[in-house]
């Protein structure tokens, strides 16, 4: 694989992963070896000179919609979910900096003792200095998912693509591959088809925001060793969502 290929293709990207990706084979919380493995994947791309933004969900700790479904007031539940994303961001920051990658956690909710507040120009400057920026606490507003936060920040940071790292699936399928042996993976699929067929890549708001700004989305498996770097180079297995 040529190191120059992904560097030439993308200068700045957004990596979106779920909180569940950090659980490993546990049912809850953080699995340090898994966090370390994902950090190694990020470092391998960072070493190519690519500027990396990240958004990590919080579902391994708390998911706002689940709390709401169990009777909790929705706004409160969503804020709790945002705090879970900060915990995951700090864990990833620790793993990356342990590998020698300078990293900043940038929170949409002010908590100066543990994270920087979101200031767009400052975040851009961090990226220009080759620091990984992990955007935490979603958009800072309830009723918006981390998918929407990732798409919003990707646009604000002038990212050239979003890379969606999935667990147990290596792209977008016409039906659930875990339930249907005849499920077929798309090589490419349009934003409108994702919405019309409810393919579950991201929530509808995030897909619409990506479509309106012509921001491509690459869906790949986080389970594949060196998968992030391979997909960035146009290799490996993935689905590209585009106009």
Protein backbone atom coordinates (compact mmCIF):
# COMPACT_ATOMS: atom_id res chain seq x y z
CA UNK A 1 0.00 0.00 0.00
CA UNK A 2 1.35 3.42 -0.89
CA UNK A 3 1.55 5.83 2.02
CA UNK A 4 1.02 8.76 -0.35
CA UNK A 5 -2.32 7.52 -1.71
CA UNK A 6 -4.59 8.34 1.23
CA UNK A 7 -2.65 11.51 1.95
CA UNK A 8 -3.34 12.74 -1.58
CA UNK A 9 -6.99 11.66 -1.51
CA UNK A 10 -7.95 13.24 1.82
CA UNK A 11 -6.26 15.95 3.83
CA UNK A 12 -8.83 16.16 6.63
CA UNK A 13 -11.46 13.60 7.63
CA UNK A 14 -14.06 12.86 10.30
CA UNK A 15 -14.07 9.43 11.97
CA UNK A 16 -17.39 8.59 13.63
CA UNK A 17 -17.61 5.54 15.85
CA UNK A 18 -20.24 4.34 18.29
CA UNK A 19 -19.73 4.11 22.01
CA UNK A 20 -20.46 0.40 21.71
CA UNK A 21 -17.28 0.08 19.63
CA UNK A 22 -15.29 0.68 22.82
CA UNK A 23 -16.94 -2.16 24.77
CA UNK A 24 -15.07 -5.01 23.12
CA UNK A 25 -16.80 -8.26 24.05
CA UNK A 26 -18.19 -6.75 27.24
CA UNK A 27 -21.80 -5.71 27.57
CA UNK A 28 -21.14 -2.29 29.05
CA UNK A 29 -18.48 0.35 29.61
CA UNK A 30 -14.94 0.55 28.27
CA UNK A 31 -12.64 -2.30 27.28
CA UNK A 32 -9.12 -0.79 27.45
CA UNK A 33 -7.52 -3.21 24.92
CA UNK A 34 -10.25 -2.33 22.40
CA UNK A 35 -9.77 1.40 22.99
CA UNK A 36 -6.04 0.87 22.47
CA UNK A 37 -6.61 -1.05 19.22
CA UNK A 38 -8.82 1.69 17.78
CA UNK A 39 -6.27 4.30 18.87
CA UNK A 40 -3.61 2.36 16.95
CA UNK A 41 -5.86 2.49 13.85
CA UNK A 42 -6.22 6.26 14.23
CA UNK A 43 -2.47 6.67 14.71
CA UNK A 44 -1.72 4.70 11.54
CA UNK A 45 -3.77 7.22 9.54
CA UNK A 46 -2.44 10.21 11.48
CA UNK A 47 1.11 9.06 10.64
CA UNK A 48 0.26 9.57 6.96
CA UNK A 49 -0.24 13.28 7.60
CA UNK A 50 -4.04 13.16 7.50
CA UNK A 51 -5.79 15.60 9.85
CA UNK A 52 -8.34 13.69 11.94
CA UNK A 53 -11.54 14.76 13.66
CA UNK A 54 -13.44 12.24 15.77
CA UNK A 55 -16.89 11.90 17.28
CA UNK A 56 -17.61 8.96 19.59
CA UNK A 57 -21.10 7.99 20.73
CA UNK A 58 -22.00 7.26 24.34
CA UNK A 59 -24.17 4.15 24.04
CA UNK A 60 -21.72 1.98 25.98
CA UNK A 61 -22.41 4.12 29.06
CA UNK A 62 -25.82 5.74 28.59
CA UNK A 63 -28.14 6.35 25.65
CA UNK A 64 -30.61 9.22 25.95
CA UNK A 65 -33.37 7.55 23.95
CA UNK A 66 -33.27 4.48 26.17
CA UNK A 67 -33.53 6.61 29.29
CA UNK A 68 -36.45 8.48 27.78
CA UNK A 69 -38.18 5.22 26.84
CA UNK A 70 -37.95 4.14 30.49
CA UNK A 71 -39.76 7.24 31.71
CA UNK A 72 -36.93 9.73 32.16
CA UNK A 73 -37.56 13.25 30.90
CA UNK A 74 -36.09 13.36 27.38
CA UNK A 75 -33.98 16.50 27.72
CA UNK A 76 -32.35 15.26 30.93
CA UNK A 77 -31.71 11.85 29.38
CA UNK A 78 -30.07 13.43 26.34
CA UNK A 79 -27.78 15.55 28.50
CA UNK A 80 -26.73 12.42 30.38
CA UNK A 81 -25.94 10.81 27.03
CA UNK A 82 -23.78 13.81 26.12
CA UNK A 83 -21.78 13.37 29.32
CA UNK A 84 -21.21 9.73 28.38
CA UNK A 85 -19.60 10.86 25.12
CA UNK A 86 -17.18 13.05 27.09
CA UNK A 87 -16.09 10.02 29.13
CA UNK A 88 -15.42 8.08 25.93
CA UNK A 89 -13.56 11.01 24.38
CA UNK A 90 -11.28 11.27 27.41
CA UNK A 91 -10.56 7.53 27.25
CA UNK A 92 -9.62 7.80 23.57
CA UNK A 93 -7.50 10.89 24.23
CA UNK A 94 -5.58 8.99 26.90
CA UNK A 95 -4.98 6.06 24.53
CA UNK A 96 -3.86 8.28 21.65
CA UNK A 97 -1.52 10.38 23.76
CA UNK A 98 -0.07 7.17 25.17
CA UNK A 99 0.92 6.43 21.56
CA UNK A 100 2.47 9.87 21.13
CA UNK A 101 -0.43 11.47 19.22
CA UNK A 102 -1.29 14.93 20.55
CA UNK A 103 -5.05 15.07 21.06
CA UNK A 104 -7.62 17.62 22.16
CA UNK A 105 -11.06 16.87 23.58
CA UNK A 106 -13.43 19.67 22.59
CA UNK A 107 -16.79 19.73 24.34
CA UNK A 108 -20.01 21.38 23.22
CA UNK A 109 -20.89 21.66 26.93
CA UNK A 110 -18.53 23.83 28.95
CA UNK A 111 -16.39 21.82 31.38
CA UNK A 112 -13.08 23.64 31.40
CA UNK A 113 -11.40 21.32 33.89
CA UNK A 114 -11.49 18.33 31.52
CA UNK A 115 -12.04 19.62 27.97
CA UNK A 116 -11.76 22.69 25.80
CA UNK A 117 -14.93 24.57 24.85
CA UNK A 118 -15.90 24.39 21.20
CA UNK A 119 -14.44 27.38 19.35
CA UNK A 120 -14.29 26.70 15.64
CA UNK A 121 -11.18 28.72 14.79
CA UNK A 122 -9.25 27.19 17.69
CA UNK A 123 -10.27 23.68 16.62
CA UNK A 124 -9.15 24.35 13.05
CA UNK A 125 -5.80 25.55 14.37
CA UNK A 126 -5.38 22.32 16.36
CA UNK A 127 -5.95 20.34 13.18
CA UNK A 128 -3.44 22.45 11.27
CA UNK A 129 -0.92 21.59 14.00
CA UNK A 130 -1.68 17.88 13.38
CA UNK A 131 -3.51 17.34 16.65
CA UNK A 132 -6.40 14.90 16.66
CA UNK A 133 -9.60 16.68 17.69
CA UNK A 134 -12.27 14.63 19.47
CA UNK A 135 -15.58 16.50 19.54
CA UNK A 136 -17.62 15.51 22.59
CA UNK A 137 -21.07 16.23 24.07
CA UNK A 138 -22.79 16.07 20.70
CA UNK A 139 -24.02 19.44 19.47
CA UNK A 140 -24.66 20.54 23.06
CA UNK A 141 -28.40 20.34 22.42
CA UNK A 142 -30.91 17.60 23.26
CA UNK A 143 -32.80 15.79 20.49
CA UNK A 144 -29.70 15.67 18.25
CA UNK A 145 -27.68 12.47 17.86
CA UNK A 146 -23.92 12.08 17.68
CA UNK A 147 -24.41 11.22 13.99
CA UNK A 148 -25.75 14.72 13.45
CA UNK A 149 -22.95 16.15 15.59
CA UNK A 150 -20.34 14.34 13.49
CA UNK A 151 -21.83 15.65 10.24
CA UNK A 152 -22.13 19.17 11.62
CA UNK A 153 -18.55 19.26 12.89
CA UNK A 154 -17.27 17.67 9.68
CA UNK A 155 -18.80 20.51 7.71
CA UNK A 156 -17.58 23.18 10.12
CA UNK A 157 -14.04 21.76 10.04
CA UNK A 158 -14.09 21.50 6.22
CA UNK A 159 -13.56 17.74 6.33
CA UNK A 160 -13.51 16.06 2.94
CA UNK A 161 -15.31 12.90 4.06
CA UNK A 162 -16.89 11.11 7.00
CA UNK A 163 -15.68 7.60 7.83
CA UNK A 164 -18.27 5.58 9.76
CA UNK A 165 -16.61 2.74 11.63
CA UNK A 166 -19.19 0.01 12.29
CA UNK A 167 -19.16 -3.10 14.46
CA UNK A 168 -19.93 -6.44 12.85
CA UNK A 169 -20.81 -5.03 9.43
CA UNK A 170 -18.54 -3.90 6.59
CA UNK A 171 -20.80 -1.50 4.71
CA UNK A 172 -24.41 -0.69 3.89
CA UNK A 173 -26.71 -3.60 3.04
CA UNK A 174 -30.16 -3.76 1.48
CA UNK A 175 -31.31 -5.70 4.57
CA UNK A 176 -29.86 -6.73 7.90
CA UNK A 177 -27.01 -9.18 7.09
CA UNK A 178 -27.23 -10.64 10.60
CA UNK A 179 -30.79 -11.79 9.88
CA UNK A 180 -30.75 -12.40 6.12
CA UNK A 181 -28.18 -14.60 4.38
CA UNK A 182 -29.11 -13.07 1.01
CA UNK A 183 -28.40 -9.48 2.11
CA UNK A 184 -26.38 -7.59 -0.51
CA UNK A 185 -23.81 -4.93 0.23
CA UNK A 186 -23.88 -1.71 -1.76
CA UNK A 187 -20.61 -0.52 -3.29
CA UNK A 188 -22.14 2.95 -3.57
CA UNK A 189 -25.56 4.26 -2.59
CA UNK A 190 -27.14 7.70 -2.82
CA UNK A 191 -28.17 9.84 0.12
CA UNK A 192 -31.75 9.78 -1.15
CA UNK A 193 -31.81 5.97 -1.32
CA UNK A 194 -30.47 5.76 2.23
CA UNK A 195 -33.35 7.95 3.37
CA UNK A 196 -36.06 6.40 1.19
CA UNK A 197 -35.10 2.80 1.99
CA UNK A 198 -34.27 3.53 5.63
CA UNK A 199 -30.93 1.78 5.35
CA UNK A 200 -29.81 2.90 8.80
CA UNK A 201 -26.43 4.43 7.95
CA UNK A 202 -27.09 7.51 10.08
CA UNK A 203 -30.19 9.25 11.32
CA UNK A 204 -32.16 11.20 8.73
CA UNK A 205 -30.99 14.64 9.90
CA UNK A 206 -27.33 13.65 9.55
CA UNK A 207 -27.83 12.16 6.08
CA UNK A 208 -29.72 15.24 4.91
CA UNK A 209 -26.97 17.53 6.21
CA UNK A 210 -24.31 15.47 4.43
CA UNK A 211 -26.36 15.46 1.22
CA UNK A 212 -26.97 19.21 1.29
CA UNK A 213 -23.22 19.82 1.60
CA UNK A 214 -22.12 17.02 -0.76
CA UNK A 215 -20.08 15.34 1.97
CA UNK A 216 -19.31 11.68 1.14
CA UNK A 217 -19.69 9.00 3.82
CA UNK A 218 -17.61 5.81 3.86
CA UNK A 219 -19.09 2.97 5.91
CA UNK A 220 -16.62 0.24 6.90
CA UNK A 221 -15.96 -2.34 9.62
CA UNK A 222 -13.92 -1.40 12.66
CA UNK A 223 -13.33 -5.11 13.21
CA UNK A 224 -10.94 -5.35 10.24
CA UNK A 225 -7.30 -4.82 11.22
CA UNK A 226 -5.96 -1.63 9.63
CA UNK A 227 -9.43 -1.09 8.16
CA UNK A 228 -9.52 2.70 8.56
CA UNK A 229 -6.25 3.19 6.71
CA UNK A 230 -7.21 0.70 3.98
CA UNK A 231 -10.55 2.36 3.27
CA UNK A 232 -8.96 5.79 3.25
CA UNK A 233 -6.62 4.46 0.54
CA UNK A 234 -9.59 3.21 -1.49
CA UNK A 235 -8.88 -0.40 -0.59
CA UNK A 236 -10.64 -2.92 1.64
CA UNK A 237 -14.40 -3.39 1.89
CA UNK A 238 -16.75 -0.46 2.35
CA UNK A 239 -19.79 1.38 1.02
CA UNK A 240 -19.61 4.94 -0.23
CA UNK A 241 -22.67 7.13 0.32
CA UNK A 242 -22.75 10.02 -2.11
CA UNK A 243 -25.06 12.13 -4.26
